[in-house]
Amino acid sequence: MLKSHEKNTIFILDGLDEVLLEEQHEIINILYKKLYGKATIVVFCRTGLFELREEERRQLFGIPMKHDFCDKRNSHIGVTSQDNKRQFLIKFVSETIVDNIIESLSSQLDLFDSPLFLMLIPIILEDDEHIGQFTTKTDLYKKLFNSVVKHNYVKRGLDIDTDFDLFSYHQTTNAVQECISEFGMLSVQKIVKNALRFESDNLTREIYELRFFDQQERNVVL
């Protein structure tokens, strides 16, 4: 069927950066036009994260291949200009504070080229009116997780320290850290058994309340 309708075929490859090397051979052959060369291919992956090293190209093809894919037409690399970031944020945050946000993040704006990362800024602002400084994406994720936890505790009418830090471990752990740690161990067991369905119990309900699950069902699926 593909051979008969090659010119009218579109391959949609989602999450290409998540494909293991040993599973890439046929996909790479398509991207390099070794298979179905007349078809159209649309690829979705995180920018810059799917790139074959020379030894990988040799392993897959047995011969050196050019660095880039064949006939690449368009590549969307996110919201890169400061003005575009500003216009994006105005949709979610009051225009009066957008300029302050841009100024505060001036040295880290490249961390927010992704529209998803830009959408995280309003969540952080709910917790702290000062956006703060981020030198790495890890710092951003830490701030985001702390903001989400505190937001949900306040929303549920529960007490939580204003300086709560999920990632700060001293001699004793707090209830949230213990809950996350316990769920982490459960998740590892599920992954090992390839059984990613979580029964509804006190632990998974608490994780859901923290908004670390997308949906709540009788059996919660991650």
Foldseek 3Di string as FASTA:
>chain_A
DCVVCLLVAEAEAEAPLPDDLVRCQVVLCVQQCVPSVNHHYHYHHQPPSDWDDQVSCCVNPVDGDDRHTPPDDDDDNAQPDLVSLLVLCVVPDPNVCSVVVCVQCVVPCVVPRHVVLSVLQVLLCVLPVRSHYDPDVVVVVQSSLVSLQVVLCVVVVHDDDSPDGLPDDDPDDDPVVVLVVVVVVVCVVCVVVVNQKAADDPSVVVCVSSVPAPDDDRIGGD
